[in-house]
Amino acid sequence: MTAPLFVHLLRLADDRLVLGHRTSEWCGHGPILEEDIALANIALDQIGEASLFLKLAGALEGQERDEDALAYFREAIDYRNALLVELPNGDFGFTIVRQFFFSVFSLLQMRALKSSTNQDLAGIAAKAEKEATYHVRHCAQWVVTLGDGTAESHARAQAAVDELWRYTGELFLADDIDREVAAAGVGVDPSTLQSEWSAQVGRVLREATLTTPDVKFMQRGGRAGKHTEHLGHMLSEMQILARSHPGATW
């Protein structure tokens, strides 16, 4: 169970670390001051959750790699995040729709993980659930504001939904690792979350007067380390300080 749980923890951590870094890129660039602060806080929540998951993964692995080593000294091919979270931010509507899609998934995931037989994992999930609840509420309000706003904001929000939808399916792909940790009562099978995710997301999109795309093909590969070129560029920026001064503390 050690190896499957380690990979499961990396997937949990990498989703949040990569999206947290992406969201942090809005700091100082938000459309209004309050939203600038809100996005920065969401990014801090996600990076904090990632740190806890990576710390637990490092302890489980037993190779003296702490959360910093796992974050800053792995290559892109070793990351296990979904492709959705590594895409460039685009405009504000793209960022909000992406965050909304992921936050609903994260909320459902953390609720399920609160029942994990691993008490450390259950504790992290209980904390993260509270944060994800706020993220969902905040982003859902913006999705409705943009979708049911001006002609331009509606068009941009719909374009974001259309572009991002084909990346959402990967969130729910389950493999032998997911099924093994779920059967052991430690992790969660993401495929069991799709129905509720679709229902929650669909309600908000309808309120926002946005149309759910009819997409058959879903992008995949991130869970197996097959990423877009965007992740490598992002990691080079994120990791440069730690790699320039390995072992440094401050």
Protein backbone atom coordinates (compact mmCIF):
# COMPACT_ATOMS: atom_id res chain seq x y z
CA MET A 1 0.00 0.00 0.00
CA THR A 2 2.97 2.34 0.53
CA ALA A 3 3.72 2.86 -3.17
CA PRO A 4 0.09 3.40 -4.30
CA LEU A 5 -0.58 5.80 -1.42
CA PHE A 6 2.59 7.73 -2.21
CA VAL A 7 1.43 8.28 -5.80
CA HIS A 8 -2.06 9.15 -4.59
CA LEU A 9 -0.59 11.81 -2.30
CA LEU A 10 1.53 13.21 -5.13
CA ARG A 11 -1.57 13.60 -7.27
CA LEU A 12 -3.36 15.42 -4.47
CA ALA A 13 -0.37 17.65 -3.84
CA ASP A 14 0.62 18.37 -7.42
CA ASP A 15 -2.86 19.49 -8.46
CA ARG A 16 -2.83 22.07 -5.70
CA LEU A 17 0.80 23.11 -5.97
CA VAL A 18 0.62 23.76 -9.71
CA LEU A 19 -2.75 25.51 -9.62
CA GLY A 20 -1.66 27.48 -6.57
CA HIS A 21 1.38 28.72 -8.44
CA ARG A 22 -0.72 29.58 -11.48
CA THR A 23 -3.21 31.48 -9.33
CA SER A 24 -0.41 33.33 -7.54
CA GLU A 25 0.58 34.82 -10.91
CA TRP A 26 -2.46 37.09 -10.55
CA CYS A 27 -0.98 38.78 -7.47
CA GLY A 28 -0.76 42.48 -8.34
CA HIS A 29 -2.73 41.96 -11.56
CA GLY A 30 -6.28 41.36 -10.35
CA PRO A 31 -9.12 43.37 -11.95
CA ILE A 32 -9.97 44.99 -8.61
CA LEU A 33 -8.08 45.20 -5.33
CA GLU A 34 -10.42 42.88 -3.43
CA GLU A 35 -10.13 40.20 -6.10
CA ASP A 36 -6.37 40.58 -6.22
CA ILE A 37 -6.31 39.74 -2.50
CA ALA A 38 -8.88 36.95 -2.87
CA LEU A 39 -6.90 35.19 -5.59
CA ALA A 40 -3.70 35.50 -3.57
CA ASN A 41 -5.44 33.92 -0.58
CA ILE A 42 -6.80 31.07 -2.70
CA ALA A 43 -3.28 30.47 -4.02
CA LEU A 44 -1.89 30.40 -0.47
CA ASP A 45 -4.56 27.90 0.57
CA GLN A 46 -3.71 25.60 -2.31
CA ILE A 47 0.05 25.79 -1.79
CA GLY A 48 -0.44 25.20 1.93
CA GLU A 49 -2.52 22.10 1.22
CA ALA A 50 0.10 20.89 -1.24
CA SER A 51 2.80 21.32 1.39
CA LEU A 52 0.90 19.13 3.84
CA PHE A 53 0.27 16.40 1.26
CA LEU A 54 3.92 16.45 0.15
CA LYS A 55 5.16 16.31 3.74
CA LEU A 56 3.02 13.24 4.33
CA ALA A 57 4.21 11.71 1.04
CA GLY A 58 7.86 12.30 1.95
CA ALA A 59 7.45 10.68 5.36
CA LEU A 60 5.72 7.70 3.76
CA GLU A 61 8.41 7.34 1.09
CA GLY A 62 11.20 7.19 3.67
CA GLN A 63 13.94 8.54 1.39
CA GLU A 64 14.59 11.75 3.35
CA ARG A 65 12.75 13.93 0.83
CA ASP A 66 10.72 16.60 2.58
CA GLU A 67 7.98 18.74 1.03
CA ASP A 68 10.51 21.22 -0.38
CA ALA A 69 12.57 18.49 -2.04
CA LEU A 70 9.47 17.00 -3.62
CA ALA A 71 8.26 20.38 -4.84
CA TYR A 72 11.50 21.85 -6.14
CA PHE A 73 13.67 18.92 -7.18
CA ARG A 74 11.35 16.80 -9.27
CA GLU A 75 11.23 17.16 -13.05
CA ALA A 76 8.02 17.81 -14.97
CA ILE A 77 7.78 14.15 -15.95
CA ASP A 78 7.62 13.26 -12.25
CA TYR A 79 4.65 15.53 -11.57
CA ARG A 80 1.23 13.90 -11.37
CA ASN A 81 -1.13 16.85 -11.67
CA ALA A 82 -4.04 16.96 -14.07
CA LEU A 83 -3.44 18.94 -17.26
CA LEU A 84 -6.23 21.36 -16.34
CA VAL A 85 -4.23 23.07 -13.62
CA GLU A 86 -1.05 23.68 -15.59
CA LEU A 87 -2.58 25.67 -18.45
CA PRO A 88 -1.61 29.37 -18.65
CA ASN A 89 -4.02 31.70 -16.87
CA GLY A 90 -5.48 33.43 -19.90
CA ASP A 91 -7.91 36.20 -19.01
CA PHE A 92 -9.74 36.64 -15.72
CA GLY A 93 -12.74 34.65 -16.93
CA PHE A 94 -10.53 31.70 -17.88
CA THR A 95 -8.87 31.71 -14.46
CA ILE A 96 -12.19 31.90 -12.60
CA VAL A 97 -13.86 29.13 -14.61
CA ARG A 98 -10.81 26.88 -14.22
CA GLN A 99 -10.68 27.54 -10.49
CA PHE A 100 -14.40 26.86 -10.18
CA PHE A 101 -14.17 23.54 -12.01
CA PHE A 102 -11.25 22.39 -9.87
CA SER A 103 -12.63 23.72 -6.58
CA VAL A 104 -15.87 21.78 -6.91
CA PHE A 105 -13.81 18.65 -7.58
CA SER A 106 -11.52 19.43 -4.65
CA LEU A 107 -14.43 19.98 -2.28
CA LEU A 108 -15.96 16.60 -3.14
CA GLN A 109 -12.55 14.94 -2.94
CA MET A 110 -11.76 16.37 0.49
CA ARG A 111 -15.18 15.42 1.85
CA ALA A 112 -14.54 11.83 0.83
CA LEU A 113 -10.99 11.83 2.22
CA LYS A 114 -12.19 12.96 5.64
CA SER A 115 -13.17 9.32 6.13
CA SER A 116 -9.70 8.01 5.26
CA THR A 117 -8.35 5.35 7.60
CA ASN A 118 -5.07 7.29 7.52
CA GLN A 119 -5.64 9.81 10.29
CA ASP A 120 -3.04 12.25 8.98
CA LEU A 121 -4.66 12.29 5.56
CA ALA A 122 -8.13 12.62 7.08
CA GLY A 123 -6.96 15.59 9.14
CA ILE A 124 -5.50 17.40 6.12
CA ALA A 125 -8.72 16.75 4.20
CA ALA A 126 -10.87 18.19 6.99
CA LYS A 127 -8.87 21.43 6.89
CA ALA A 128 -8.82 21.57 3.09
CA GLU A 129 -12.58 21.00 2.89
CA LYS A 130 -13.21 24.29 4.69
CA GLU A 131 -10.93 26.13 2.30
CA ALA A 132 -12.45 24.49 -0.78
CA THR A 133 -15.93 25.46 0.42
CA TYR A 134 -14.91 29.12 0.30
CA HIS A 135 -13.19 28.68 -3.07
CA VAL A 136 -16.34 27.17 -4.59
CA ARG A 137 -18.60 29.88 -3.19
CA HIS A 138 -16.30 32.69 -4.31
CA CYS A 139 -15.72 31.36 -7.83
CA ALA A 140 -19.34 30.34 -8.40
CA GLN A 141 -20.40 33.90 -7.64
CA TRP A 142 -17.93 35.20 -10.21
CA VAL A 143 -19.01 32.65 -12.83
CA VAL A 144 -22.59 33.88 -12.50
CA THR A 145 -21.49 37.53 -12.50
CA LEU A 146 -19.47 37.08 -15.67
CA GLY A 147 -21.82 34.72 -17.47
CA ASP A 148 -24.96 36.73 -16.75
CA GLY A 149 -23.22 40.10 -17.09
CA THR A 150 -22.34 42.08 -20.19
CA ALA A 151 -22.17 40.67 -23.68
CA GLU A 152 -18.37 40.68 -23.52
CA SER A 153 -18.12 39.06 -20.08
CA HIS A 154 -20.61 36.38 -21.17
CA ALA A 155 -18.65 35.68 -24.34
CA ARG A 156 -15.36 35.40 -22.45
CA ALA A 157 -16.85 33.15 -19.78
CA GLN A 158 -18.42 30.89 -22.42
CA ALA A 159 -15.13 30.74 -24.32
CA ALA A 160 -13.41 29.66 -21.10
CA VAL A 161 -15.98 26.93 -20.46
CA ASP A 162 -15.63 25.71 -24.05
CA GLU A 163 -11.83 25.63 -23.86
CA LEU A 164 -11.52 24.05 -20.42
CA TRP A 165 -14.26 21.44 -20.61
CA ARG A 166 -12.14 18.92 -22.50
CA TYR A 167 -9.63 18.95 -19.63
CA THR A 168 -12.15 18.19 -16.88
CA GLY A 169 -12.58 14.52 -17.71
CA GLU A 170 -9.08 13.70 -16.54
CA LEU A 171 -10.04 14.69 -12.98
CA PHE A 172 -12.29 11.63 -12.81
CA LEU A 173 -10.13 9.03 -14.55
CA ALA A 174 -9.43 6.16 -12.18
CA ASP A 175 -6.62 3.64 -12.51
CA ASP A 176 -5.40 0.71 -10.44
CA ILE A 177 -3.72 3.06 -7.95
CA ASP A 178 -6.97 4.94 -7.27
CA ARG A 179 -8.95 1.74 -6.97
CA GLU A 180 -6.42 0.15 -4.62
CA VAL A 181 -6.24 3.05 -2.18
CA ALA A 182 -10.02 3.43 -2.28
CA ALA A 183 -10.59 -0.29 -1.62
CA ALA A 184 -8.24 -0.05 1.37
CA GLY A 185 -10.26 2.85 2.78
CA VAL A 186 -7.27 5.19 2.57
CA GLY A 187 -7.93 7.20 -0.60
CA VAL A 188 -10.78 8.06 -2.93
CA ASP A 189 -11.67 6.80 -6.38
CA PRO A 190 -12.19 10.02 -8.39
CA SER A 191 -14.65 8.38 -10.77
CA THR A 192 -17.16 8.24 -7.91
CA LEU A 193 -17.20 12.04 -7.74
CA GLN A 194 -18.13 12.81 -11.34
CA SER A 195 -21.90 12.63 -11.03
CA GLU A 196 -22.10 15.09 -8.15
CA TRP A 197 -19.51 17.36 -9.77
CA SER A 198 -21.55 17.49 -12.97
CA ALA A 199 -24.69 18.30 -11.01
CA GLN A 200 -23.10 21.12 -9.00
CA VAL A 201 -21.26 22.63 -11.95
CA GLY A 202 -24.32 22.34 -14.16
CA ARG A 203 -26.50 24.29 -11.70
CA VAL A 204 -24.07 27.18 -11.62
CA LEU A 205 -23.58 27.24 -15.39
CA ARG A 206 -27.33 27.36 -15.93
CA GLU A 207 -27.67 30.24 -13.48
CA ALA A 208 -24.86 31.98 -15.34
CA THR A 209 -26.68 31.44 -18.67
CA LEU A 210 -23.69 29.47 -19.90
CA THR A 211 -23.91 26.36 -22.07
CA THR A 212 -22.29 23.07 -21.19
CA PRO A 213 -20.18 21.94 -24.18
CA ASP A 214 -20.97 18.71 -25.99
CA VAL A 215 -17.44 17.32 -25.91
CA LYS A 216 -16.69 13.65 -26.50
CA PHE A 217 -12.89 13.61 -26.35
CA MET A 218 -11.15 14.43 -23.09
CA GLN A 219 -7.49 15.33 -22.73
CA ARG A 220 -5.41 13.11 -20.46
CA GLY A 221 -1.83 12.28 -19.56
CA GLY A 222 -0.94 14.41 -16.56
CA ARG A 223 -1.56 11.66 -14.02
CA ALA A 224 1.08 9.57 -15.82
CA GLY A 225 3.60 12.40 -16.16
CA LYS A 226 2.72 13.34 -19.74
CA HIS A 227 2.31 17.09 -19.62
CA THR A 228 1.95 20.09 -21.88
CA GLU A 229 4.96 22.31 -22.54
CA HIS A 230 3.44 24.83 -20.13
CA LEU A 231 4.34 22.85 -17.01
CA GLY A 232 8.04 22.79 -17.80
CA HIS A 233 8.13 26.56 -18.29
CA MET A 234 6.22 27.09 -15.06
CA LEU A 235 8.47 24.78 -13.05
CA SER A 236 11.62 26.47 -14.34
CA GLU A 237 10.39 29.68 -12.79
CA MET A 238 9.03 28.08 -9.63
CA GLN A 239 12.12 26.00 -8.92
CA ILE A 240 14.97 28.32 -9.92
CA LEU A 241 15.70 29.76 -6.47
CA ALA A 242 15.78 26.41 -4.68
CA ARG A 243 17.93 24.86 -7.41
CA SER A 244 20.31 27.82 -7.50
CA HIS A 245 20.89 27.53 -3.74
CA PRO A 246 20.27 23.87 -2.79
CA GLY A 247 20.10 23.31 0.93
CA ALA A 248 19.72 26.99 1.73
CA THR A 249 17.44 27.96 4.60
CA TRP A 250 16.13 31.32 5.72
